[in-house]
Amino acid sequence: MRYAFIGLGHLGANLATCLLRAGFELVVNDSDSDAAQPLLALGAKWAGSPMEAAERVDAVITCLPSPKASESVLTGPNGILAGLREGGTWIEMSTLDRDTILRLAHVAAAKKIATLEAPVTGGVHLAAIGQVTVLAGGDSQLFAAHELALKSMGRLLLHMGPLGSAAVMKVITNMLAFIHLVADGEAMMLAKRGGLDLAQAFQAIKYSSGNSFVHETEGQLILNGSYDIGFTMDLACKDLGFASALGREYGVPLDLAGATTQTFIRGKEAYGGSAWSTMIVKLLEDALHTDLRAPGFPAKLQAERTVSRRATDI
């Protein structure tokens, strides 16, 4: 099975690297050709457009920042559908809303191209070592045909059901992560204002009933002050918007998600859409003129430390 990978940003480049390390032939494309250089050094082949990439493979994987970008790469004049042969597969690893993935899959089906969705969760630092969780949605036989490739990119692969189900699940997991992030900032500010040592407070939360994956990971970047999670305010606002839409559709009052959405809108206004999403905690720091810093925490997450503990959770 020959694959192309389009979208070599913070997440996509790491996922593509995992495919190469697993021995898959890979053609890559990105709007920034410099982003492909590390992959080309590992044996990937460059394509000048999504169409050219699609012409050379059996399946095309995309990992892009927005539904608009995904649609353009798929259906544009030099897009995937212009190059992929009948019977090929489009595998979408971007975070899309359910309606968009179903609509684009219908467009692809008209060209006799099958669609599989496979968004991932866990963070860029885990993607770097193939330890994210992959949430797949689509036909079971199609899933089986690409299972080896999907497994090469993640430590856990879950087939959530028919197409669209993984999109819903990914929005839910991201919604929870953003809620946890805002809550973690408030908790650590209480500890700081209460006169506690923040490094000790971090450990106390980590080994308590109030712990979360977000605290263990992004909490470290807050205490360091780098906030460098590799995920932007723009992306957070996009995903929270998807969650709000699902709440309206299903009649679920998402009170916490609604409040978190408003907080992230303020964060985006304050620091810009390209600011790291973890900087949402800085809103509270700035408002109270109190920083949340402690020695001994990394500027970037160390994947090995995280995996060693989480691998036992499966």
Protein backbone atom coordinates (compact mmCIF):
# COMPACT_ATOMS: atom_id res chain seq x y z
CA MET A 1 0.00 0.00 0.00
CA ARG A 2 1.47 3.33 -1.10
CA TYR A 3 0.48 6.46 0.80
CA ALA A 4 0.73 10.20 0.34
CA PHE A 5 0.67 12.56 3.29
CA ILE A 6 -0.49 16.16 2.84
CA GLY A 7 -0.17 18.67 5.69
CA LEU A 8 3.20 18.69 7.46
CA GLY A 9 2.48 20.99 10.39
CA HIS A 10 3.23 20.31 14.06
CA LEU A 11 1.07 17.17 14.09
CA GLY A 12 1.19 15.98 10.48
CA ALA A 13 4.99 15.92 10.21
CA ASN A 14 5.21 13.62 13.22
CA LEU A 15 2.51 11.28 11.94
CA ALA A 16 4.18 11.11 8.53
CA THR A 17 7.51 10.32 10.20
CA CYS A 18 5.92 7.38 12.00
CA LEU A 19 4.71 5.98 8.67
CA LEU A 20 8.20 6.22 7.21
CA ARG A 21 9.77 4.55 10.23
CA ALA A 22 7.27 1.72 9.89
CA GLY A 23 8.51 1.08 6.36
CA PHE A 24 5.69 2.57 4.28
CA GLU A 25 6.46 4.23 0.98
CA LEU A 26 5.43 7.84 1.33
CA VAL A 27 4.91 10.81 -0.98
CA VAL A 28 4.52 14.15 0.81
CA ASN A 29 3.17 17.58 -0.02
CA ASP A 30 2.70 20.80 1.92
CA SER A 31 2.18 24.46 1.07
CA ASP A 32 5.57 25.03 2.74
CA SER A 33 8.15 22.88 0.96
CA ASP A 34 10.68 23.47 3.76
CA ALA A 35 8.44 21.50 6.12
CA ALA A 36 9.09 18.38 4.03
CA GLN A 37 12.89 18.44 4.27
CA PRO A 38 13.23 16.23 7.39
CA LEU A 39 10.88 13.69 5.81
CA LEU A 40 12.73 13.70 2.51
CA ALA A 41 15.90 12.94 4.46
CA LEU A 42 14.14 9.84 5.82
CA GLY A 43 13.21 8.61 2.34
CA ALA A 44 9.92 10.32 1.51
CA LYS A 45 9.33 11.58 -2.03
CA TRP A 46 8.19 15.14 -2.77
CA ALA A 47 5.15 16.02 -4.87
CA GLY A 48 4.54 19.53 -6.14
CA SER A 49 0.77 19.47 -5.56
CA PRO A 50 -1.93 17.34 -3.90
CA MET A 51 -2.92 16.11 -7.37
CA GLU A 52 0.62 14.99 -8.15
CA ALA A 53 0.88 13.24 -4.80
CA ALA A 54 -2.43 11.45 -5.37
CA GLU A 55 -1.44 10.27 -8.85
CA ARG A 56 1.44 8.25 -7.37
CA VAL A 57 -0.30 6.37 -4.54
CA ASP A 58 -3.19 4.17 -3.45
CA ALA A 59 -4.37 6.34 -0.55
CA VAL A 60 -3.92 9.97 0.48
CA ILE A 61 -3.77 11.08 4.12
CA THR A 62 -4.51 14.69 5.03
CA CYS A 63 -3.82 16.52 8.28
CA LEU A 64 -4.81 20.15 7.85
CA PRO A 65 -5.76 23.10 10.07
CA SER A 66 -9.37 23.74 9.01
CA PRO A 67 -12.37 22.33 7.12
CA LYS A 68 -11.78 24.98 4.45
CA ALA A 69 -8.22 23.77 3.93
CA SER A 70 -9.35 20.14 3.74
CA GLU A 71 -12.00 20.93 1.15
CA SER A 72 -9.57 22.93 -0.97
CA VAL A 73 -6.92 20.20 -0.91
CA LEU A 74 -9.51 17.54 -1.73
CA THR A 75 -11.60 19.22 -4.41
CA GLY A 76 -9.43 22.01 -5.86
CA PRO A 77 -8.25 22.00 -9.48
CA ASN A 78 -4.91 20.54 -8.37
CA GLY A 79 -6.48 18.59 -5.55
CA ILE A 80 -6.57 14.98 -4.46
CA LEU A 81 -9.67 14.02 -6.45
CA ALA A 82 -8.04 15.30 -9.63
CA GLY A 83 -5.23 12.78 -9.25
CA LEU A 84 -6.36 9.75 -7.24
CA ARG A 85 -7.45 6.74 -9.26
CA GLU A 86 -10.87 5.13 -8.92
CA GLY A 87 -10.87 2.74 -5.98
CA GLY A 88 -8.41 4.88 -4.02
CA THR A 89 -8.92 6.10 -0.47
CA TRP A 90 -8.86 9.50 1.20
CA ILE A 91 -7.93 9.28 4.89
CA GLU A 92 -8.74 12.48 6.79
CA MET A 93 -6.79 12.95 10.03
CA SER A 94 -7.74 16.61 10.50
CA THR A 95 -10.30 17.58 13.12
CA LEU A 96 -13.50 18.20 11.15
CA ASP A 97 -17.11 18.47 12.20
CA ARG A 98 -19.30 15.50 11.34
CA ASP A 99 -21.34 17.27 8.68
CA THR A 100 -18.23 18.37 6.79
CA ILE A 101 -16.63 14.92 6.70
CA LEU A 102 -19.90 13.38 5.49
CA ARG A 103 -20.36 16.05 2.83
CA LEU A 104 -16.80 15.75 1.53
CA ALA A 105 -17.03 11.95 1.58
CA HIS A 106 -20.09 12.23 -0.67
CA VAL A 107 -18.10 14.38 -3.09
CA ALA A 108 -15.28 11.82 -3.07
CA ALA A 109 -17.71 8.92 -3.58
CA ALA A 110 -18.95 10.55 -6.78
CA LYS A 111 -15.40 10.08 -8.07
CA LYS A 112 -15.39 6.49 -6.76
CA ILE A 113 -13.00 7.38 -3.95
CA ALA A 114 -13.63 5.90 -0.49
CA THR A 115 -13.25 7.97 2.70
CA LEU A 116 -11.93 7.01 6.12
CA GLU A 117 -11.62 9.47 9.00
CA ALA A 118 -8.86 9.05 11.58
CA PRO A 119 -8.35 12.08 13.84
CA VAL A 120 -5.88 11.60 16.68
CA THR A 121 -5.76 12.68 20.31
CA GLY A 122 -2.96 12.91 22.86
CA GLY A 123 -0.85 15.83 21.68
CA VAL A 124 2.05 16.63 19.36
CA HIS A 125 4.63 15.30 21.83
CA LEU A 126 3.05 11.82 21.73
CA ALA A 127 2.64 11.94 17.95
CA ALA A 128 6.41 12.34 17.72
CA ILE A 129 6.90 8.80 19.03
CA GLY A 130 3.76 7.15 17.62
CA GLN A 131 1.91 7.10 20.93
CA VAL A 132 -1.26 9.06 20.17
CA THR A 133 -4.71 7.49 20.16
CA VAL A 134 -6.22 7.17 16.68
CA LEU A 135 -10.01 7.46 16.41
CA ALA A 136 -11.21 5.90 13.17
CA GLY A 137 -14.60 6.11 11.51
CA GLY A 138 -15.79 4.46 8.33
CA ASP A 139 -16.59 1.16 6.65
CA SER A 140 -15.16 -1.79 8.59
CA GLN A 141 -13.53 -3.38 5.52
CA LEU A 142 -11.92 -0.08 4.57
CA PHE A 143 -10.70 0.30 8.14
CA ALA A 144 -9.16 -3.18 8.01
CA ALA A 145 -7.40 -2.37 4.72
CA HIS A 146 -5.56 0.56 6.32
CA GLU A 147 -5.26 -0.76 9.87
CA LEU A 148 -1.51 -1.37 9.68
CA ALA A 149 -0.79 2.19 8.59
CA LEU A 150 -3.06 3.66 11.26
CA LYS A 151 -1.49 1.48 13.94
CA SER A 152 1.97 2.68 12.96
CA MET A 153 0.97 6.20 13.98
CA GLY A 154 -0.60 5.45 17.37
CA ARG A 155 -0.34 3.31 20.45
CA LEU A 156 -4.10 2.74 20.50
CA LEU A 157 -6.44 2.48 17.50
CA LEU A 158 -10.20 2.62 18.11
CA HIS A 159 -12.78 2.06 15.38
CA MET A 160 -15.61 4.29 16.60
CA GLY A 161 -18.18 3.19 14.01
CA PRO A 162 -19.48 4.57 10.71
CA LEU A 163 -18.10 7.68 9.05
CA GLY A 164 -18.74 10.74 11.19
CA SER A 165 -18.53 8.95 14.53
CA ALA A 166 -14.82 9.67 14.99
CA ALA A 167 -15.42 13.36 14.22
CA VAL A 168 -17.96 13.55 17.04
CA MET A 169 -15.65 11.73 19.45
CA LYS A 170 -12.67 13.93 18.62
CA VAL A 171 -14.70 17.09 19.26
CA ILE A 172 -15.77 15.65 22.63
CA THR A 173 -12.21 14.86 23.70
CA ASN A 174 -10.96 18.31 22.67
CA MET A 175 -13.86 19.99 24.46
CA LEU A 176 -12.92 18.16 27.66
CA ALA A 177 -9.25 19.07 27.26
CA PHE A 178 -10.02 22.80 26.98
CA ILE A 179 -12.34 22.69 30.00
CA HIS A 180 -9.65 20.87 31.99
CA LEU A 181 -7.05 23.43 30.92
CA VAL A 182 -9.06 26.41 32.19
CA ALA A 183 -9.87 24.54 35.41
CA ASP A 184 -6.22 23.61 35.94
CA GLY A 185 -5.18 27.24 35.66
CA GLU A 186 -7.75 28.24 38.27
CA ALA A 187 -6.62 25.43 40.58
CA MET A 188 -2.96 26.38 40.39
CA MET A 189 -3.80 30.06 40.91
CA LEU A 190 -5.65 29.11 44.09
CA ALA A 191 -2.56 27.23 45.22
CA LYS A 192 -0.31 30.20 44.41
CA ARG A 193 -2.53 32.74 46.14
CA GLY A 194 -2.85 30.35 49.06
CA GLY A 195 0.89 30.51 49.62
CA LEU A 196 1.66 26.96 48.48
CA ASP A 197 4.80 25.84 46.67
CA LEU A 198 3.61 25.37 43.07
CA ALA A 199 5.95 22.47 42.32
CA GLN A 200 4.57 20.60 45.32
CA ALA A 201 1.03 21.61 44.42
CA PHE A 202 1.55 20.20 40.91
CA GLN A 203 2.56 16.84 42.41
CA ALA A 204 -0.33 16.87 44.87
CA ILE A 205 -2.85 17.38 42.07
CA LYS A 206 -1.13 14.81 39.88
CA TYR A 207 -1.57 12.11 42.50
CA SER A 208 -5.07 13.12 43.58
CA SER A 209 -8.64 12.49 42.47
CA GLY A 210 -8.49 15.89 40.76
CA ASN A 211 -5.79 14.85 38.31
CA SER A 212 -6.16 14.97 34.52
CA PHE A 213 -4.01 14.28 31.48
CA VAL A 214 -4.08 18.01 30.77
CA HIS A 215 -2.68 18.78 34.22
CA GLU A 216 0.14 16.26 33.78
CA THR A 217 1.12 17.65 30.38
CA GLU A 218 0.07 21.25 29.78
CA GLY A 219 0.34 22.04 33.47
CA GLN A 220 4.10 21.62 33.17
CA LEU A 221 4.29 24.15 30.31
CA ILE A 222 2.31 26.68 32.34
CA LEU A 223 4.69 26.34 35.28
CA ASN A 224 7.66 26.70 32.93
CA GLY A 225 6.13 29.74 31.24
CA SER A 226 6.72 28.56 27.67
CA TYR A 227 3.10 27.46 27.10
CA ASP A 228 4.52 25.65 24.03
CA ILE A 229 1.96 22.92 23.39
CA GLY A 230 2.07 23.15 19.57
CA PHE A 231 -1.67 23.89 19.35
CA THR A 232 -3.06 27.37 18.71
CA MET A 233 -5.91 29.55 19.98
CA ASP A 234 -7.40 29.50 16.47
CA LEU A 235 -7.60 25.70 16.53
CA ALA A 236 -9.06 25.67 20.04
CA CYS A 237 -11.79 28.16 19.09
CA LYS A 238 -12.58 26.13 15.96
CA ASP A 239 -12.99 22.90 17.93
CA LEU A 240 -15.06 24.53 20.68
CA GLY A 241 -17.31 25.88 17.94
CA PHE A 242 -17.82 22.33 16.70
CA ALA A 243 -18.76 21.26 20.24
CA SER A 244 -21.29 24.09 20.57
CA ALA A 245 -22.89 23.06 17.28
CA LEU A 246 -23.23 19.46 18.48
CA GLY A 247 -24.79 20.67 21.72
CA ARG A 248 -27.42 22.62 19.80
CA GLU A 249 -28.10 19.73 17.44
CA TYR A 250 -28.47 17.12 20.17
CA GLY A 251 -30.21 19.37 22.69
CA VAL A 252 -27.42 19.10 25.28
CA PRO A 253 -26.85 22.22 27.43
CA LEU A 254 -23.06 22.53 27.41
CA ASP A 255 -22.73 25.03 30.25
CA LEU A 256 -19.05 24.38 31.01
CA ALA A 257 -18.12 24.21 27.33
CA GLY A 258 -20.00 27.46 26.69
CA ALA A 259 -18.13 29.29 29.44
CA THR A 260 -14.84 27.83 28.20
CA THR A 261 -15.60 28.97 24.66
CA GLN A 262 -16.07 32.55 25.85
CA THR A 263 -12.79 32.35 27.77
CA PHE A 264 -10.94 31.19 24.66
CA ILE A 265 -12.49 33.94 22.56
CA ARG A 266 -11.08 36.44 25.08
CA GLY A 267 -7.74 34.65 24.97
CA LYS A 268 -7.61 34.85 21.19
CA GLU A 269 -8.41 38.58 21.33
CA ALA A 270 -5.72 39.15 23.94
CA TYR A 271 -2.85 37.11 22.50
CA GLY A 272 -3.76 36.39 18.86
CA GLY A 273 -5.01 33.34 17.03
CA SER A 274 -1.52 31.94 16.55
CA ALA A 275 -0.73 32.00 20.29
CA TRP A 276 -0.48 28.62 21.99
CA SER A 277 -3.81 27.47 23.43
CA THR A 278 -2.16 26.87 26.81
CA MET A 279 -1.76 30.66 27.08
CA ILE A 280 -5.44 30.76 28.02
CA VAL A 281 -4.22 30.47 31.61
CA LYS A 282 -2.27 33.70 31.11
CA LEU A 283 -5.58 35.58 31.08
CA LEU A 284 -5.92 34.77 34.78
CA GLU A 285 -2.25 35.47 35.45
CA ASP A 286 -2.49 38.89 33.80
CA ALA A 287 -5.78 39.77 35.49
CA LEU A 288 -4.35 39.02 38.93
CA HIS A 289 -0.80 40.21 38.18
CA THR A 290 0.40 36.84 39.43
CA ASP A 291 2.48 34.42 37.39
CA LEU A 292 2.37 30.66 37.83
CA ARG A 293 6.04 29.69 37.68
CA ALA A 294 7.99 26.96 39.38
CA PRO A 295 11.51 25.59 38.78
CA GLY A 296 12.20 22.20 37.25
CA PHE A 297 9.50 22.06 34.58
CA PRO A 298 10.31 21.69 30.85
CA ALA A 299 9.73 24.24 28.10
CA LYS A 300 8.58 21.37 25.85
CA LEU A 301 6.95 18.12 26.87
CA GLN A 302 9.13 15.05 27.22
CA ALA A 303 7.16 12.29 25.52
CA GLU A 304 9.04 9.44 27.20
CA ARG A 305 8.04 10.63 30.68
CA THR A 306 4.38 10.80 29.74
CA VAL A 307 4.23 7.48 27.92
CA SER A 308 5.94 5.53 30.69
CA ARG A 309 2.99 6.20 32.96
CA ARG A 310 0.14 6.20 30.45
CA ALA A 311 1.14 2.96 28.76
CA THR A 312 0.00 1.11 31.88
CA ASP A 313 -3.49 2.62 31.57
CA ILE A 314 -4.48 0.45 28.59
